[in-house]
Amino acid sequence: MDAWEKLTNPKKLRENLMSASVYISSYEMCRDFIISKPRGFFTDHWGVNGETLSEEYSKDVMSFSQSPLKASLLWFKDQGAINDIDIESFEKAISHRNEIAHNLPKFISEPDHEVDADIFNKMLEVTNKVGVYWVMNYELPIHPDYSRQEVDEGGIKVGTVVMIKMMMQIAFGQEPEEGYYYNEIKKAIDKD
């Protein structure tokens, strides 16, 4: 496909703009999710002036790196939630996000620049691993309804990942029917 066709074909242009937008938005959601778990855990106080992080956050998390994302990923690795391959995958996701954000015209007009679905899917896998680990090791142990119960890790749905998949279906017209999620949520709200 020629550059002019990629840019002027309405269907291709919309797909490429949507792919770039969904990737960047999803990356930011995954990034925020990964940083928020240890940050929230090590927050001593929330108030009108923001949060007060404990000294343990600096010692246990931020000692890994000055970057909150990198520090959080390394903290999760230290906890046994993810491994070096997962960190590599997320680092590729960071690079790809930067490449898309800083070179968007190339992604909408040049045939050799495409959003990499494999990098995107691996980013979601890492986020899901972090989320499942968090639920299993930090949320369920303190939840009275789940004490002494077996929980299937495969059945845990990580909200951020579910939201990204829903967003993708809506953006790319892959809902069971147009407006499906909107209508279902509206029904649930109206029911209450």
Protein backbone atom coordinates (compact mmCIF):
# COMPACT_ATOMS: atom_id res chain seq x y z
CA MET A 1 0.00 0.00 0.00
CA ASP A 2 1.27 3.44 -0.88
CA ALA A 3 1.52 6.25 1.65
CA TRP A 4 -1.16 8.31 -0.14
CA GLU A 5 -3.59 5.37 0.07
CA LYS A 6 -2.97 4.79 3.77
CA LEU A 7 -3.63 8.46 4.47
CA THR A 8 -6.57 9.08 2.14
CA ASN A 9 -8.52 5.82 2.42
CA PRO A 10 -11.15 6.80 5.02
CA LYS A 11 -11.43 3.30 6.47
CA LYS A 12 -7.63 2.88 6.77
CA LEU A 13 -7.14 6.36 8.20
CA ARG A 14 -9.83 5.80 10.86
CA GLU A 15 -8.35 2.38 11.75
CA ASN A 16 -4.83 3.79 12.10
CA LEU A 17 -5.93 6.80 14.14
CA MET A 18 -8.05 4.51 16.33
CA SER A 19 -5.20 1.99 16.76
CA ALA A 20 -2.77 4.71 17.82
CA SER A 21 -5.29 6.28 20.17
CA VAL A 22 -6.30 2.98 21.77
CA TYR A 23 -2.65 1.96 22.19
CA ILE A 24 -1.61 5.22 23.87
CA SER A 25 -4.71 5.29 26.09
CA SER A 26 -4.28 1.64 27.06
CA TYR A 27 -0.61 2.13 27.83
CA GLU A 28 -1.42 5.03 30.16
CA MET A 29 -4.12 2.96 31.90
CA CYS A 30 -1.73 0.02 32.39
CA ARG A 31 1.05 2.33 33.58
CA ASP A 32 -1.22 4.03 36.12
CA PHE A 33 -2.55 0.67 37.33
CA ILE A 34 0.93 -0.77 37.92
CA ILE A 35 2.17 2.33 39.74
CA SER A 36 -1.00 2.71 41.82
CA LYS A 37 -0.87 -0.67 43.55
CA PRO A 38 2.34 -0.30 45.60
CA ARG A 39 1.82 3.46 45.86
CA GLY A 40 -1.62 3.01 47.41
CA PHE A 41 -0.39 0.22 49.64
CA PHE A 42 2.39 2.40 51.02
CA THR A 43 0.26 5.53 51.44
CA ASP A 44 -0.14 6.52 55.05
CA HIS A 45 -2.73 9.22 54.61
CA TRP A 46 -5.05 10.69 51.99
CA GLY A 47 -6.34 14.19 52.48
CA VAL A 48 -7.26 17.45 50.83
CA ASN A 49 -3.57 18.13 50.18
CA GLY A 50 -3.05 14.78 48.49
CA GLU A 51 -1.46 11.62 49.76
CA THR A 52 1.32 11.07 52.26
CA LEU A 53 3.58 8.23 51.23
CA SER A 54 5.25 6.18 53.92
CA GLU A 55 9.00 5.89 54.26
CA GLU A 56 8.62 2.24 53.26
CA TYR A 57 7.50 3.36 49.78
CA SER A 58 10.85 5.08 49.27
CA LYS A 59 12.79 2.17 50.76
CA ASP A 60 10.80 -0.77 49.36
CA VAL A 61 9.67 0.52 45.95
CA MET A 62 11.48 3.66 44.83
CA SER A 63 14.86 2.24 45.79
CA PHE A 64 14.65 0.16 42.59
CA SER A 65 14.57 3.17 40.25
CA GLN A 66 13.83 6.90 40.11
CA SER A 67 11.03 6.16 37.64
CA PRO A 68 7.83 5.20 39.50
CA LEU A 69 6.87 2.80 36.68
CA LYS A 70 10.25 1.08 36.50
CA ALA A 71 10.44 0.95 40.31
CA SER A 72 6.95 -0.57 40.52
CA LEU A 73 7.73 -3.19 37.86
CA LEU A 74 10.94 -4.15 39.67
CA TRP A 75 9.09 -4.24 43.00
CA PHE A 76 6.52 -6.63 41.48
CA LYS A 77 9.38 -8.74 40.13
CA ASP A 78 10.93 -8.80 43.61
CA GLN A 79 7.54 -9.92 44.96
CA GLY A 80 7.45 -12.80 42.43
CA ALA A 81 4.51 -11.41 40.45
CA ILE A 82 6.39 -10.95 37.18
CA ASN A 83 9.77 -11.85 35.71
CA ASP A 84 12.50 -10.31 33.56
CA ILE A 85 10.70 -11.26 30.35
CA ASP A 86 7.59 -9.40 31.57
CA ILE A 87 9.68 -6.33 32.36
CA GLU A 88 11.27 -6.52 28.90
CA SER A 89 7.80 -6.75 27.36
CA PHE A 90 6.66 -3.68 29.24
CA GLU A 91 9.81 -1.78 28.29
CA LYS A 92 9.01 -2.55 24.63
CA ALA A 93 5.51 -1.22 25.28
CA ILE A 94 7.02 2.00 26.65
CA SER A 95 9.26 2.40 23.59
CA HIS A 96 6.41 1.66 21.22
CA ARG A 97 4.16 4.17 23.01
CA ASN A 98 6.84 6.83 22.66
CA GLU A 99 7.39 5.97 19.01
CA ILE A 100 3.65 6.28 18.27
CA ALA A 101 3.16 9.46 20.30
CA HIS A 102 6.17 11.25 18.82
CA ASN A 103 5.73 10.02 15.24
CA LEU A 104 1.97 9.86 14.81
CA PRO A 105 2.03 11.23 11.24
CA LYS A 106 4.18 8.26 10.21
CA PHE A 107 1.71 5.82 11.80
CA ILE A 108 -1.18 7.29 9.84
CA SER A 109 0.60 7.75 6.52
CA GLU A 110 3.61 5.47 6.09
CA PRO A 111 3.03 1.81 5.20
CA ASP A 112 5.98 0.54 7.25
CA HIS A 113 4.70 2.12 10.49
CA GLU A 114 1.92 0.13 12.19
CA VAL A 115 0.82 -0.24 15.79
CA ASP A 116 2.28 -3.56 16.94
CA ALA A 117 -0.53 -5.75 18.26
CA ASP A 118 1.93 -8.25 19.75
CA ILE A 119 3.55 -5.57 21.93
CA PHE A 120 0.08 -4.36 22.92
CA ASN A 121 -1.10 -7.85 23.91
CA LYS A 122 2.05 -8.53 25.95
CA MET A 123 1.54 -5.24 27.79
CA LEU A 124 -1.98 -6.39 28.70
CA GLU A 125 -0.63 -9.78 29.82
CA VAL A 126 1.88 -8.13 32.18
CA THR A 127 -0.82 -5.84 33.56
CA ASN A 128 -3.11 -8.82 34.06
CA LYS A 129 -0.36 -10.78 35.88
CA VAL A 130 0.21 -7.82 38.21
CA GLY A 131 -3.54 -7.51 38.82
CA VAL A 132 -4.09 -11.20 39.54
CA TYR A 133 -1.06 -11.26 41.84
CA TRP A 134 -2.40 -8.20 43.66
CA VAL A 135 -5.83 -9.73 44.18
CA MET A 136 -4.43 -13.08 45.33
CA ASN A 137 -1.80 -11.66 47.69
CA TYR A 138 -3.13 -8.32 48.90
CA GLU A 139 -6.90 -8.19 48.51
CA LEU A 140 -8.21 -11.69 49.17
CA PRO A 141 -6.18 -12.33 52.35
CA ILE A 142 -7.88 -9.40 54.08
CA HIS A 143 -11.36 -9.97 52.64
CA PRO A 144 -13.53 -11.87 55.17
CA ASP A 145 -15.76 -13.42 52.47
CA TYR A 146 -12.79 -15.26 50.96
CA SER A 147 -10.96 -16.48 54.02
CA ARG A 148 -10.19 -20.20 53.77
CA GLN A 149 -11.67 -20.46 50.28
CA GLU A 150 -9.95 -21.71 47.14
CA VAL A 151 -9.89 -19.03 44.45
CA ASP A 152 -9.15 -19.88 40.83
CA GLU A 153 -6.62 -17.33 39.57
CA GLY A 154 -7.87 -17.91 36.03
CA GLY A 155 -11.27 -16.60 37.01
CA ILE A 156 -9.96 -13.26 38.28
CA LYS A 157 -10.84 -10.38 35.97
CA VAL A 158 -8.57 -7.36 36.29
CA GLY A 159 -10.73 -4.25 35.91
CA THR A 160 -8.19 -2.25 33.92
CA VAL A 161 -7.72 -5.06 31.40
CA VAL A 162 -11.48 -5.61 31.12
CA MET A 163 -12.00 -1.88 30.56
CA ILE A 164 -9.31 -1.78 27.85
CA LYS A 165 -10.84 -4.75 26.03
CA MET A 166 -14.29 -3.15 26.24
CA MET A 167 -12.87 0.14 24.96
CA MET A 168 -11.28 -1.72 22.02
CA GLN A 169 -14.52 -3.45 21.13
CA ILE A 170 -16.41 -0.16 21.19
CA ALA A 171 -13.73 1.75 19.26
CA PHE A 172 -13.39 -0.87 16.53
CA GLY A 173 -17.10 -1.64 16.22
CA GLN A 174 -16.76 -5.16 17.65
CA GLU A 175 -19.47 -4.96 20.31
CA PRO A 176 -22.15 -7.65 20.15
CA GLU A 177 -24.34 -4.82 18.81
CA GLU A 178 -23.88 -1.06 18.45
CA GLY A 179 -24.10 0.61 21.88
CA TYR A 180 -24.21 -2.72 23.73
CA TYR A 181 -22.07 -1.72 26.74
CA TYR A 182 -23.65 1.71 26.99
CA ASN A 183 -27.16 0.26 26.95
CA GLU A 184 -26.32 -2.49 29.45
CA ILE A 185 -24.77 -0.05 31.91
CA LYS A 186 -27.65 2.38 31.44
CA LYS A 187 -30.15 -0.43 32.18
CA ALA A 188 -28.27 -1.35 35.35
CA ILE A 189 -28.17 2.27 36.52
CA ASP A 190 -31.84 2.86 35.74
CA LYS A 191 -32.73 -0.35 37.59
CA ASP A 192 -31.18 0.97 40.80
